[in-house]
Amino acid sequence: MTDPVPPPSGELALDVRDLRMRYGTKDVLTGVSFTARRGEVVALLGPNGAGKTTTIEILEGFRMRSAGEVTVLGQDPARGDEAWRARLGVVLQSWRDHGRWRVRDLLGYLARFYAPYSTAEVPRPWDVDELIGVVGLAEHADAKILKLSGGQRRRLDVAIGIVGRPELVFLDEPTAGFDPHARREFHDLVHRLADFENTTVLLTTHDLDEAEKLADRILVLDEGTIVADGSAEQLARELTTQAEVRWTADGRRQVHAVAEGDPTDFVRRLLAGDPGVTDLEVRRASLEDTYMALVHRAETAGPGQQDLDGQVTEQTEEVQS
């Protein structure tokens, strides 16, 4: 896989180079490198223990790294001040405090802390009633938080994370506990933040379908290093060689696996040879298939067979074959 070309530094919200983290004698991060543009939605995927939480905490400024260069909104998070922190939004997996507060009152109270950091370019905070409507809690604005359902509490978590109108939002399992309708509304909110507010979003999730729908780009982290970086389509195209062509001819359903290369040539030959083909469909590997293949390939690579970007080398390819 070719290395992504980094954009100009002024367009970057995140710039991570050779990030490393060691706890005692254990290396948790072994050379993580990636970037994120302004207004880009990036999903960070990986199995439990891959280093996702450690990476996010370093970017948020809550944990000191062992080595590497990290720039978040133009500043090293290890030296981030309050003005820098006001530009970030963090949506934790859950809040369990303030149960006796009412929704509008809590958001109004938290919003006041962001007012001193308002600028002409980014007015802060978000209007509370507008925010309540955006996250779908308008009917519960005066309800006590302890009376909210699990899904409504999760919407409030999101509202708390973005009340300061952040330029960069960290989302940790953002739709856990959401029903399908609430999940769809949340996806619309993420797209609004990215498209209309120019907000960069870095989310972690175990829901691969959600990652595919939300993310402009997907990072796969495994055993402390990035093993893939690209859109869902790019990862499927570059890391899987097989496609499946399905069609109907003479009333019978047919399936053909194209083991190597682009299936277009096969489709052309098929249509030229049988003009009666209907219901033609080309299927490539899903994000789940690609993700599992990536993790398997990375975990079966021998020591020293991954480069600093976590990409499996040709030597690993030979071992796998």
C-alpha atoms as a PDB file:
ATOM      1  CA  MET A   1       0.000   0.000   0.000  1.00  0.00           C
ATOM      2  CA  THR A   2       1.373   3.422  -0.866  1.00  0.00           C
ATOM      3  CA  ASP A   3       1.948   5.944   1.900  1.00  0.00           C
ATOM      4  CA  PRO A   4      -0.664   8.729   2.009  1.00  0.00           C
ATOM      5  CA  VAL A   5       0.687  12.136   1.002  1.00  0.00           C
ATOM      6  CA  PRO A   6       0.273  14.520   3.966  1.00  0.00           C
ATOM      7  CA  PRO A   7      -1.564  17.774   3.248  1.00  0.00           C
ATOM      8  CA  PRO A   8       0.001  21.193   3.926  1.00  0.00           C
ATOM      9  CA  SER A   9       0.494  21.785   7.652  1.00  0.00           C
ATOM     10  CA  GLY A  10      -2.050  24.618   7.733  1.00  0.00           C
ATOM     11  CA  GLU A  11      -4.805  22.193   6.730  1.00  0.00           C
ATOM     12  CA  LEU A  12      -3.964  19.722   9.476  1.00  0.00           C
ATOM     13  CA  ALA A  13      -5.909  19.322  12.692  1.00  0.00           C
ATOM     14  CA  LEU A  14      -3.800  16.315  13.730  1.00  0.00           C
ATOM     15  CA  ASP A  15      -0.206  15.516  12.842  1.00  0.00           C
ATOM     16  CA  VAL A  16       1.202  12.419  14.542  1.00  0.00           C
ATOM     17  CA  ARG A  17       4.687  11.197  13.739  1.00  0.00           C
ATOM     18  CA  ASP A  18       6.346   8.099  15.184  1.00  0.00           C
ATOM     19  CA  LEU A  19       4.288   8.221  18.382  1.00  0.00           C
ATOM     20  CA  ARG A  20       5.547   5.772  20.995  1.00  0.00           C
ATOM     21  CA  MET A  21       4.358   4.835  24.457  1.00  0.00           C
ATOM     22  CA  ARG A  22       5.963   2.490  26.962  1.00  0.00           C
ATOM     23  CA  TYR A  23       4.628   1.385  30.335  1.00  0.00           C
ATOM     24  CA  GLY A  24       7.524  -0.097  32.241  1.00  0.00           C
ATOM     25  CA  THR A  25       8.997  -2.655  29.864  1.00  0.00           C
ATOM     26  CA  LYS A  26       5.873  -2.965  27.704  1.00  0.00           C
ATOM     27  CA  ASP A  27       5.648  -1.024  24.430  1.00  0.00           C
ATOM     28  CA  VAL A  28       2.008  -0.090  23.872  1.00  0.00           C
ATOM     29  CA  LEU A  29       2.582   2.218  20.876  1.00  0.00           C
ATOM     30  CA  THR A  30       5.515   1.374  18.624  1.00  0.00           C
ATOM     31  CA  GLY A  31       5.577   4.111  15.999  1.00  0.00           C
ATOM     32  CA  VAL A  32       2.103   5.498  15.195  1.00  0.00           C
ATOM     33  CA  SER A  33       2.017   8.031  12.341  1.00  0.00           C
ATOM     34  CA  PHE A  34      -1.038   9.646  10.727  1.00  0.00           C
ATOM     35  CA  THR A  35      -2.638  12.994   9.932  1.00  0.00           C
ATOM     36  CA  ALA A  36      -6.174  14.374   9.874  1.00  0.00           C
ATOM     37  CA  ARG A  37      -7.355  17.374   7.874  1.00  0.00           C
ATOM     38  CA  ARG A  38      -9.689  20.098   9.002  1.00  0.00           C
ATOM     39  CA  GLY A  39     -13.266  18.944   8.510  1.00  0.00           C
ATOM     40  CA  GLU A  40     -12.287  15.290   8.058  1.00  0.00           C
ATOM     41  CA  VAL A  41     -13.989  12.381   9.839  1.00  0.00           C
ATOM     42  CA  VAL A  42     -11.480   9.690  10.766  1.00  0.00           C
ATOM     43  CA  ALA A  43     -12.340   6.359  12.391  1.00  0.00           C
ATOM     44  CA  LEU A  44      -9.728   4.619  14.522  1.00  0.00           C
ATOM     45  CA  LEU A  45     -10.375   0.884  14.563  1.00  0.00           C
ATOM     46  CA  GLY A  46      -8.553  -1.921  16.276  1.00  0.00           C
ATOM     47  CA  PRO A  47      -9.018  -4.893  18.580  1.00  0.00           C
ATOM     48  CA  ASN A  48      -9.014  -4.475  22.354  1.00  0.00           C
ATOM     49  CA  GLY A  49      -5.489  -3.805  23.578  1.00  0.00           C
ATOM     50  CA  ALA A  50      -4.335  -2.353  20.252  1.00  0.00           C
ATOM     51  CA  GLY A  51      -3.507   1.028  21.802  1.00  0.00           C
ATOM     52  CA  LYS A  52      -6.547   3.103  20.742  1.00  0.00           C
ATOM     53  CA  THR A  53      -7.311   4.527  24.185  1.00  0.00           C
ATOM     54  CA  THR A  54      -3.669   5.388  24.846  1.00  0.00           C
ATOM     55  CA  THR A  55      -3.423   7.156  21.483  1.00  0.00           C
ATOM     56  CA  ILE A  56      -6.574   9.199  22.100  1.00  0.00           C
ATOM     57  CA  GLU A  57      -5.529  10.168  25.635  1.00  0.00           C
ATOM     58  CA  ILE A  58      -2.169  11.428  24.349  1.00  0.00           C
ATOM     59  CA  LEU A  59      -3.886  13.509  21.656  1.00  0.00           C
ATOM     60  CA  GLU A  60      -6.291  14.932  24.234  1.00  0.00           C
ATOM     61  CA  GLY A  61      -3.376  15.945  26.456  1.00  0.00           C
ATOM     62  CA  PHE A  62      -4.366  13.623  29.291  1.00  0.00           C
ATOM     63  CA  ARG A  63      -1.340  11.340  29.004  1.00  0.00           C
ATOM     64  CA  MET A  64       2.327  12.067  28.335  1.00  0.00           C
ATOM     65  CA  ARG A  65       3.918  10.154  25.461  1.00  0.00           C
ATOM     66  CA  SER A  66       7.259   8.394  25.648  1.00  0.00           C
ATOM     67  CA  ALA A  67       8.512   9.593  22.249  1.00  0.00           C
ATOM     68  CA  GLY A  68       7.428  11.007  18.905  1.00  0.00           C
ATOM     69  CA  GLU A  69       6.022  14.286  17.610  1.00  0.00           C
ATOM     70  CA  VAL A  70       2.363  15.188  18.074  1.00  0.00           C
ATOM     71  CA  THR A  71       0.596  18.366  16.965  1.00  0.00           C
ATOM     72  CA  VAL A  72      -3.101  18.913  17.713  1.00  0.00           C
ATOM     73  CA  LEU A  73      -4.652  22.090  16.298  1.00  0.00           C
ATOM     74  CA  GLY A  74      -1.160  23.453  15.844  1.00  0.00           C
ATOM     75  CA  GLN A  75       0.029  22.776  19.391  1.00  0.00           C
ATOM     76  CA  ASP A  76       1.783  20.009  21.306  1.00  0.00           C
ATOM     77  CA  PRO A  77      -0.947  18.563  23.573  1.00  0.00           C
ATOM     78  CA  ALA A  78       1.631  17.978  26.303  1.00  0.00           C
ATOM     79  CA  ARG A  79       1.829  21.768  26.640  1.00  0.00           C
ATOM     80  CA  GLY A  80      -1.766  22.652  25.814  1.00  0.00           C
ATOM     81  CA  ASP A  81      -3.260  25.553  27.770  1.00  0.00           C
ATOM     82  CA  GLU A  82      -6.890  26.338  28.559  1.00  0.00           C
ATOM     83  CA  ALA A  83      -7.405  28.299  25.343  1.00  0.00           C
ATOM     84  CA  TRP A  84      -6.203  25.286  23.358  1.00  0.00           C
ATOM     85  CA  ARG A  85      -8.344  22.884  25.368  1.00  0.00           C
ATOM     86  CA  ALA A  86     -11.423  25.030  24.718  1.00  0.00           C
ATOM     87  CA  ARG A  87     -11.020  24.206  21.026  1.00  0.00           C
ATOM     88  CA  LEU A  88     -11.421  20.464  21.723  1.00  0.00           C
ATOM     89  CA  GLY A  89     -14.518  18.400  22.363  1.00  0.00           C
ATOM     90  CA  VAL A  90     -14.436  15.048  24.125  1.00  0.00           C
ATOM     91  CA  VAL A  91     -17.423  12.693  24.125  1.00  0.00           C
ATOM     92  CA  LEU A  92     -16.792  10.017  26.710  1.00  0.00           C
ATOM     93  CA  GLN A  93     -18.532   6.654  26.712  1.00  0.00           C
ATOM     94  CA  SER A  94     -20.863   7.901  29.432  1.00  0.00           C
ATOM     95  CA  TRP A  95     -21.421  10.552  32.099  1.00  0.00           C
ATOM     96  CA  ARG A  96     -22.832   9.397  35.402  1.00  0.00           C
ATOM     97  CA  ASP A  97     -22.912  12.698  37.283  1.00  0.00           C
ATOM     98  CA  HIS A  98     -25.361  15.592  37.620  1.00  0.00           C
ATOM     99  CA  GLY A  99     -28.428  13.354  37.718  1.00  0.00           C
ATOM    100  CA  ARG A 100     -30.529  15.982  39.488  1.00  0.00           C
ATOM    101  CA  TRP A 101     -29.697  18.729  37.011  1.00  0.00           C
ATOM    102  CA  ARG A 102     -32.076  19.520  34.189  1.00  0.00           C
ATOM    103  CA  VAL A 103     -30.767  19.174  30.644  1.00  0.00           C
ATOM    104  CA  ARG A 104     -30.930  22.868  29.726  1.00  0.00           C
ATOM    105  CA  ASP A 105     -29.503  23.989  33.060  1.00  0.00           C
ATOM    106  CA  LEU A 106     -26.479  21.691  32.874  1.00  0.00           C
ATOM    107  CA  LEU A 107     -25.640  22.634  29.298  1.00  0.00           C
ATOM    108  CA  GLY A 108     -26.114  26.324  30.097  1.00  0.00           C
ATOM    109  CA  TYR A 109     -23.783  26.025  33.066  1.00  0.00           C
ATOM    110  CA  LEU A 110     -21.066  24.245  31.065  1.00  0.00           C
ATOM    111  CA  ALA A 111     -21.449  26.638  28.134  1.00  0.00           C
ATOM    112  CA  ARG A 112     -20.429  29.612  30.292  1.00  0.00           C
ATOM    113  CA  PHE A 113     -16.880  28.256  30.619  1.00  0.00           C
ATOM    114  CA  TYR A 114     -16.309  28.567  26.848  1.00  0.00           C
ATOM    115  CA  ALA A 115     -17.472  32.171  26.429  1.00  0.00           C
ATOM    116  CA  PRO A 116     -14.041  33.711  27.229  1.00  0.00           C
ATOM    117  CA  TYR A 117     -12.524  31.724  24.358  1.00  0.00           C
ATOM    118  CA  SER A 118     -14.923  32.908  21.664  1.00  0.00           C
ATOM    119  CA  THR A 119     -13.299  34.336  18.542  1.00  0.00           C
ATOM    120  CA  ALA A 120     -14.512  36.075  15.420  1.00  0.00           C
ATOM    121  CA  GLU A 121     -13.835  32.901  13.436  1.00  0.00           C
ATOM    122  CA  VAL A 122     -15.394  30.501  15.956  1.00  0.00           C
ATOM    123  CA  PRO A 123     -18.032  32.039  18.255  1.00  0.00           C
ATOM    124  CA  ARG A 124     -18.338  30.078  21.484  1.00  0.00           C
ATOM    125  CA  PRO A 125     -20.315  28.510  23.040  1.00  0.00           C
ATOM    126  CA  TRP A 126     -23.044  26.876  21.000  1.00  0.00           C
ATOM    127  CA  ASP A 127     -26.492  28.369  21.642  1.00  0.00           C
ATOM    128  CA  VAL A 128     -27.900  25.968  24.214  1.00  0.00           C
ATOM    129  CA  ASP A 129     -31.423  25.676  22.829  1.00  0.00           C
ATOM    130  CA  GLU A 130     -30.079  25.228  19.311  1.00  0.00           C
ATOM    131  CA  LEU A 131     -27.715  22.526  20.552  1.00  0.00           C
ATOM    132  CA  ILE A 132     -30.498  20.738  22.405  1.00  0.00           C
ATOM    133  CA  GLY A 133     -32.478  20.649  19.186  1.00  0.00           C
ATOM    134  CA  VAL A 134     -29.501  19.458  17.162  1.00  0.00           C
ATOM    135  CA  VAL A 135     -28.934  16.430  19.424  1.00  0.00           C
ATOM    136  CA  GLY A 136     -32.646  15.596  19.511  1.00  0.00           C
ATOM    137  CA  LEU A 137     -33.455  16.495  23.118  1.00  0.00           C
ATOM    138  CA  ALA A 138     -35.827  19.420  22.567  1.00  0.00           C
ATOM    139  CA  GLU A 139     -38.732  17.554  24.189  1.00  0.00           C
ATOM    140  CA  HIS A 140     -36.576  16.767  27.222  1.00  0.00           C
ATOM    141  CA  ALA A 141     -34.857  20.120  27.714  1.00  0.00           C
ATOM    142  CA  ASP A 142     -36.463  20.618  31.145  1.00  0.00           C
ATOM    143  CA  ALA A 143     -36.246  16.978  32.245  1.00  0.00           C
ATOM    144  CA  LYS A 144     -33.963  15.883  35.060  1.00  0.00           C
ATOM    145  CA  ILE A 145     -31.027  13.908  33.732  1.00  0.00           C
ATOM    146  CA  LEU A 146     -31.751  10.922  35.974  1.00  0.00           C
ATOM    147  CA  LYS A 147     -35.118  10.580  34.198  1.00  0.00           C
ATOM    148  CA  LEU A 148     -33.588  10.246  30.725  1.00  0.00           C
ATOM    149  CA  SER A 149     -33.407   6.906  28.926  1.00  0.00           C
ATOM    150  CA  GLY A 150     -30.061   5.384  27.986  1.00  0.00           C
ATOM    151  CA  GLY A 151     -30.266   6.689  24.435  1.00  0.00           C
ATOM    152  CA  GLN A 152     -31.259  10.157  25.645  1.00  0.00           C
ATOM    153  CA  ARG A 153     -28.343  10.172  28.091  1.00  0.00           C
ATOM    154  CA  ARG A 154     -26.029   9.348  25.195  1.00  0.00           C
ATOM    155  CA  ARG A 155     -27.379  12.317  23.240  1.00  0.00           C
ATOM    156  CA  LEU A 156     -26.671  14.494  26.260  1.00  0.00           C
ATOM    157  CA  ASP A 157     -23.106  13.096  26.364  1.00  0.00           C
ATOM    158  CA  VAL A 158     -22.665  14.295  22.794  1.00  0.00           C
ATOM    159  CA  ALA A 159     -24.133  17.713  23.611  1.00  0.00           C
ATOM    160  CA  ILE A 160     -21.743  18.098  26.568  1.00  0.00           C
ATOM    161  CA  GLY A 161     -18.821  17.224  24.305  1.00  0.00           C
ATOM    162  CA  ILE A 162     -19.623  19.819  21.653  1.00  0.00           C
ATOM    163  CA  VAL A 163     -21.212  22.633  23.699  1.00  0.00           C
ATOM    164  CA  GLY A 164     -18.050  24.725  23.222  1.00  0.00           C
ATOM    165  CA  ARG A 165     -18.301  24.460  19.410  1.00  0.00           C
ATOM    166  CA  PRO A 166     -15.015  22.557  19.149  1.00  0.00           C
ATOM    167  CA  GLU A 167     -12.747  22.498  16.120  1.00  0.00           C
ATOM    168  CA  LEU A 168     -11.761  18.902  16.886  1.00  0.00           C
ATOM    169  CA  VAL A 169     -14.005  16.282  18.499  1.00  0.00           C
ATOM    170  CA  PHE A 170     -12.966  12.950  19.988  1.00  0.00           C
ATOM    171  CA  LEU A 171     -15.818  10.428  20.031  1.00  0.00           C
ATOM    172  CA  ASP A 172     -15.433   7.213  22.020  1.00  0.00           C
ATOM    173  CA  GLU A 173     -18.022   4.604  20.968  1.00  0.00           C
ATOM    174  CA  PRO A 174     -20.459   7.465  20.284  1.00  0.00           C
ATOM    175  CA  THR A 175     -23.638   5.511  19.505  1.00  0.00           C
ATOM    176  CA  ALA A 176     -23.437   2.807  22.171  1.00  0.00           C
ATOM    177  CA  GLY A 177     -26.998   2.316  23.385  1.00  0.00           C
ATOM    178  CA  PHE A 178     -28.612   4.161  20.466  1.00  0.00           C
ATOM    179  CA  ASP A 179     -31.608   2.696  18.676  1.00  0.00           C
ATOM    180  CA  PRO A 180     -31.436   2.683  14.837  1.00  0.00           C
ATOM    181  CA  HIS A 181     -33.344   5.971  14.521  1.00  0.00           C
ATOM    182  CA  ALA A 182     -31.150   7.737  17.069  1.00  0.00           C
ATOM    183  CA  ARG A 183     -28.044   6.342  15.396  1.00  0.00           C
ATOM    184  CA  ARG A 184     -29.138   7.740  12.035  1.00  0.00           C
ATOM    185  CA  GLU A 185     -29.763  11.157  13.582  1.00  0.00           C
ATOM    186  CA  PHE A 186     -26.353  11.080  15.224  1.00  0.00           C
ATOM    187  CA  HIS A 187     -24.718  10.273  11.893  1.00  0.00           C
ATOM    188  CA  ASP A 188     -26.448  13.333  10.439  1.00  0.00           C
ATOM    189  CA  LEU A 189     -25.025  15.402  13.300  1.00  0.00           C
ATOM    190  CA  VAL A 190     -21.472  14.193  12.631  1.00  0.00           C
ATOM    191  CA  HIS A 191     -21.834  15.041   8.940  1.00  0.00           C
ATOM    192  CA  ARG A 192     -23.159  18.481   9.880  1.00  0.00           C
ATOM    193  CA  LEU A 193     -20.173  19.117  12.155  1.00  0.00           C
ATOM    194  CA  ALA A 194     -17.720  18.117   9.452  1.00  0.00           C
ATOM    195  CA  ASP A 195     -19.439  19.676   6.448  1.00  0.00           C
ATOM    196  CA  PHE A 196     -20.841  22.920   7.873  1.00  0.00           C
ATOM    197  CA  GLU A 197     -18.756  23.596  10.989  1.00  0.00           C
ATOM    198  CA  ASN A 198     -15.456  22.357   9.450  1.00  0.00           C
ATOM    199  CA  THR A 199     -14.989  20.247  12.580  1.00  0.00           C
ATOM    200  CA  THR A 200     -12.484  17.419  12.537  1.00  0.00           C
ATOM    201  CA  VAL A 201     -13.864  14.221  14.097  1.00  0.00           C
ATOM    202  CA  LEU A 202     -11.769  11.340  15.384  1.00  0.00           C
ATOM    203  CA  LEU A 203     -13.937   8.463  16.528  1.00  0.00           C
ATOM    204  CA  THR A 204     -13.273   5.031  17.934  1.00  0.00           C
ATOM    205  CA  THR A 205     -15.856   2.330  17.379  1.00  0.00           C
ATOM    206  CA  HIS A 206     -16.273  -1.411  17.180  1.00  0.00           C
ATOM    207  CA  ASP A 207     -19.212  -0.923  14.807  1.00  0.00           C
ATOM    208  CA  LEU A 208     -17.612  -1.392  11.386  1.00  0.00           C
ATOM    209  CA  ASP A 209     -20.824  -0.494   9.567  1.00  0.00           C
ATOM    210  CA  GLU A 210     -20.885   2.817  11.426  1.00  0.00           C
ATOM    211  CA  ALA A 211     -17.239   3.481  10.556  1.00  0.00           C
ATOM    212  CA  GLU A 212     -17.941   2.829   6.896  1.00  0.00           C
ATOM    213  CA  LYS A 213     -20.919   5.204   6.872  1.00  0.00           C
ATOM    214  CA  LEU A 214     -19.312   8.022   8.843  1.00  0.00           C
ATOM    215  CA  ALA A 215     -15.607   8.101   8.108  1.00  0.00           C
ATOM    216  CA  ASP A 216     -13.820   9.769   5.225  1.00  0.00           C
ATOM    217  CA  ARG A 217     -10.801   7.725   6.219  1.00  0.00           C
ATOM    218  CA  ILE A 218     -10.216   4.654   8.352  1.00  0.00           C
ATOM    219  CA  LEU A 219      -7.123   3.901  10.439  1.00  0.00           C
ATOM    220  CA  VAL A 220      -6.576   0.366  11.688  1.00  0.00           C
ATOM    221  CA  LEU A 221      -4.400   0.141  14.793  1.00  0.00           C
ATOM    222  CA  ASP A 222      -3.061  -3.216  15.896  1.00  0.00           C
ATOM    223  CA  GLU A 223      -0.359  -4.114  18.399  1.00  0.00           C
ATOM    224  CA  GLY A 224       0.671  -0.503  18.768  1.00  0.00           C
ATOM    225  CA  THR A 225       1.049   0.513  15.137  1.00  0.00           C
ATOM    226  CA  ILE A 226      -1.088   1.627  12.187  1.00  0.00           C
ATOM    227  CA  VAL A 227      -1.535  -1.314   9.816  1.00  0.00           C
ATOM    228  CA  ALA A 228      -3.837   0.466   7.329  1.00  0.00           C
ATOM    229  CA  ASP A 229      -4.866   4.005   6.393  1.00  0.00           C
ATOM    230  CA  GLY A 230      -7.439   4.814   3.717  1.00  0.00           C
ATOM    231  CA  SER A 231     -11.119   4.928   2.858  1.00  0.00           C
ATOM    232  CA  ALA A 232     -13.156   1.747   3.207  1.00  0.00           C
ATOM    233  CA  GLU A 233     -13.154   1.356  -0.573  1.00  0.00           C
ATOM    234  CA  GLN A 234      -9.402   1.902  -0.819  1.00  0.00           C
ATOM    235  CA  LEU A 235      -8.663  -0.650   1.866  1.00  0.00           C
ATOM    236  CA  ALA A 236     -10.910  -3.237   0.245  1.00  0.00           C
ATOM    237  CA  ARG A 237      -9.420  -2.583  -3.182  1.00  0.00           C
ATOM    238  CA  GLU A 238      -5.775  -2.613  -2.102  1.00  0.00           C
ATOM    239  CA  LEU A 239      -5.877  -5.405   0.428  1.00  0.00           C
ATOM    240  CA  THR A 240      -8.224  -7.924  -1.138  1.00  0.00           C
ATOM    241  CA  THR A 241      -7.733  -9.301  -4.624  1.00  0.00           C
ATOM    242  CA  GLN A 242     -10.959 -11.232  -5.005  1.00  0.00           C
ATOM    243  CA  ALA A 243     -14.284  -9.938  -6.246  1.00  0.00           C
ATOM    244  CA  GLU A 244     -17.515 -11.840  -6.769  1.00  0.00           C
ATOM    245  CA  VAL A 245     -19.679 -11.344  -9.869  1.00  0.00           C
ATOM    246  CA  ARG A 246     -23.311 -12.467  -9.699  1.00  0.00           C
ATOM    247  CA  TRP A 247     -25.851 -12.454 -12.518  1.00  0.00           C
ATOM    248  CA  THR A 248     -28.961 -14.174 -13.806  1.00  0.00           C
ATOM    249  CA  ALA A 249     -29.043 -15.996 -17.168  1.00  0.00           C
ATOM    250  CA  ASP A 250     -31.833 -18.208 -18.500  1.00  0.00           C
ATOM    251  CA  GLY A 251     -33.606 -17.926 -15.160  1.00  0.00           C
ATOM    252  CA  ARG A 252     -30.640 -19.282 -13.192  1.00  0.00           C
ATOM    253  CA  ARG A 253     -28.489 -17.383 -10.728  1.00  0.00           C
ATOM    254  CA  GLN A 254     -24.765 -17.545 -11.524  1.00  0.00           C
ATOM    255  CA  VAL A 255     -21.726 -16.682  -9.393  1.00  0.00           C
ATOM    256  CA  HIS A 256     -18.122 -16.261 -10.495  1.00  0.00           C
ATOM    257  CA  ALA A 257     -15.144 -15.368  -8.283  1.00  0.00           C
ATOM    258  CA  VAL A 258     -12.573 -13.117  -9.944  1.00  0.00           C
ATOM    259  CA  ALA A 259      -9.436 -14.027  -8.033  1.00  0.00           C
ATOM    260  CA  GLU A 260      -7.068 -11.348  -9.294  1.00  0.00           C
ATOM    261  CA  GLY A 261      -7.300  -7.811 -10.589  1.00  0.00           C
ATOM    262  CA  ASP A 262     -10.225  -5.711 -11.753  1.00  0.00           C
ATOM    263  CA  PRO A 263     -13.422  -7.709 -12.518  1.00  0.00           C
ATOM    264  CA  THR A 264     -14.327  -5.248 -15.297  1.00  0.00           C
ATOM    265  CA  ASP A 265     -12.735  -7.389 -18.041  1.00  0.00           C
ATOM    266  CA  PHE A 266     -14.715 -10.426 -16.950  1.00  0.00           C
ATOM    267  CA  VAL A 267     -17.944  -8.410 -16.922  1.00  0.00           C
ATOM    268  CA  ARG A 268     -17.249  -7.099 -20.435  1.00  0.00           C
ATOM    269  CA  ARG A 269     -16.670 -10.628 -21.749  1.00  0.00           C
ATOM    270  CA  LEU A 270     -19.773 -11.864 -19.973  1.00  0.00           C
ATOM    271  CA  LEU A 271     -22.039  -9.198 -21.472  1.00  0.00           C
ATOM    272  CA  ALA A 272     -20.514  -9.593 -24.932  1.00  0.00           C
ATOM    273  CA  GLY A 273     -21.061 -13.344 -24.851  1.00  0.00           C
ATOM    274  CA  ASP A 274     -24.559 -13.333 -23.409  1.00  0.00           C
ATOM    275  CA  PRO A 275     -26.756 -10.271 -24.047  1.00  0.00           C
ATOM    276  CA  GLY A 276     -29.509 -11.865 -21.947  1.00  0.00           C
ATOM    277  CA  VAL A 277     -27.665 -11.311 -18.652  1.00  0.00           C
ATOM    278  CA  THR A 278     -29.771  -9.570 -16.000  1.00  0.00           C
ATOM    279  CA  ASP A 279     -29.416  -8.636 -12.322  1.00  0.00           C
ATOM    280  CA  LEU A 280     -25.660  -8.128 -12.699  1.00  0.00           C
ATOM    281  CA  GLU A 281     -23.900  -7.422  -9.423  1.00  0.00           C
ATOM    282  CA  VAL A 282     -20.222  -7.058  -8.458  1.00  0.00           C
ATOM    283  CA  ARG A 283     -19.358  -7.577  -4.814  1.00  0.00           C
ATOM    284  CA  ARG A 284     -16.071  -6.744  -3.184  1.00  0.00           C
ATOM    285  CA  ALA A 285     -14.964  -7.519   0.336  1.00  0.00           C
ATOM    286  CA  SER A 286     -16.858  -5.674   3.065  1.00  0.00           C
ATOM    287  CA  LEU A 287     -15.074  -3.459   5.559  1.00  0.00           C
ATOM    288  CA  GLU A 288     -15.436  -6.270   8.096  1.00  0.00           C
ATOM    289  CA  ASP A 289     -13.737  -8.737   5.727  1.00  0.00           C
ATOM    290  CA  THR A 290     -10.946  -6.248   5.042  1.00  0.00           C
ATOM    291  CA  TYR A 291     -10.526  -5.378   8.723  1.00  0.00           C
ATOM    292  CA  MET A 292     -10.260  -9.013   9.777  1.00  0.00           C
ATOM    293  CA  ALA A 293      -7.759  -9.715   6.996  1.00  0.00           C
ATOM    294  CA  LEU A 294      -5.644  -6.738   8.056  1.00  0.00           C
ATOM    295  CA  VAL A 295      -5.554  -7.703  11.700  1.00  0.00           C
ATOM    296  CA  HIS A 296      -4.798 -11.314  10.866  1.00  0.00           C
ATOM    297  CA  ARG A 297      -2.007 -10.316   8.515  1.00  0.00           C
ATOM    298  CA  ALA A 298      -0.460  -7.945  11.039  1.00  0.00           C
ATOM    299  CA  GLU A 299      -0.666 -10.389  13.924  1.00  0.00           C
ATOM    300  CA  THR A 300       0.913 -13.227  11.960  1.00  0.00           C
ATOM    301  CA  ALA A 301       3.804 -11.082  10.715  1.00  0.00           C
ATOM    302  CA  GLY A 302       7.115 -11.896  12.330  1.00  0.00           C
ATOM    303  CA  PRO A 303       9.140  -9.388  14.364  1.00  0.00           C
ATOM    304  CA  GLY A 304      10.619  -6.619  12.292  1.00  0.00           C
ATOM    305  CA  GLN A 305       8.333  -7.282   9.343  1.00  0.00           C
ATOM    306  CA  GLN A 306       6.313  -4.094   9.741  1.00  0.00           C
ATOM    307  CA  ASP A 307       7.508  -0.627   8.888  1.00  0.00           C
ATOM    308  CA  LEU A 308       6.894   2.408  11.092  1.00  0.00           C
ATOM    309  CA  ASP A 309       3.536   3.075   9.483  1.00  0.00           C
ATOM    310  CA  GLY A 310       2.460  -0.430  10.394  1.00  0.00           C
ATOM    311  CA  GLN A 311       2.219  -1.509   6.771  1.00  0.00           C
ATOM    312  CA  VAL A 312       3.063  -5.133   6.125  1.00  0.00           C
ATOM    313  CA  THR A 313       6.139  -5.523   3.972  1.00  0.00           C
ATOM    314  CA  GLU A 314       6.677  -7.722   0.948  1.00  0.00           C
ATOM    315  CA  GLN A 315       8.404 -10.249   3.160  1.00  0.00           C
ATOM    316  CA  THR A 316       5.177 -10.681   5.122  1.00  0.00           C
ATOM    317  CA  GLU A 317       3.229 -11.059   1.891  1.00  0.00           C
ATOM    318  CA  GLU A 318       5.485 -13.965   0.966  1.00  0.00           C
ATOM    319  CA  VAL A 319       5.012 -15.598   4.357  1.00  0.00           C
ATOM    320  CA  GLN A 320       1.263 -15.352   4.025  1.00  0.00           C
ATOM    321  CA  SER A 321       1.296 -16.916   0.577  1.00  0.00           C
END
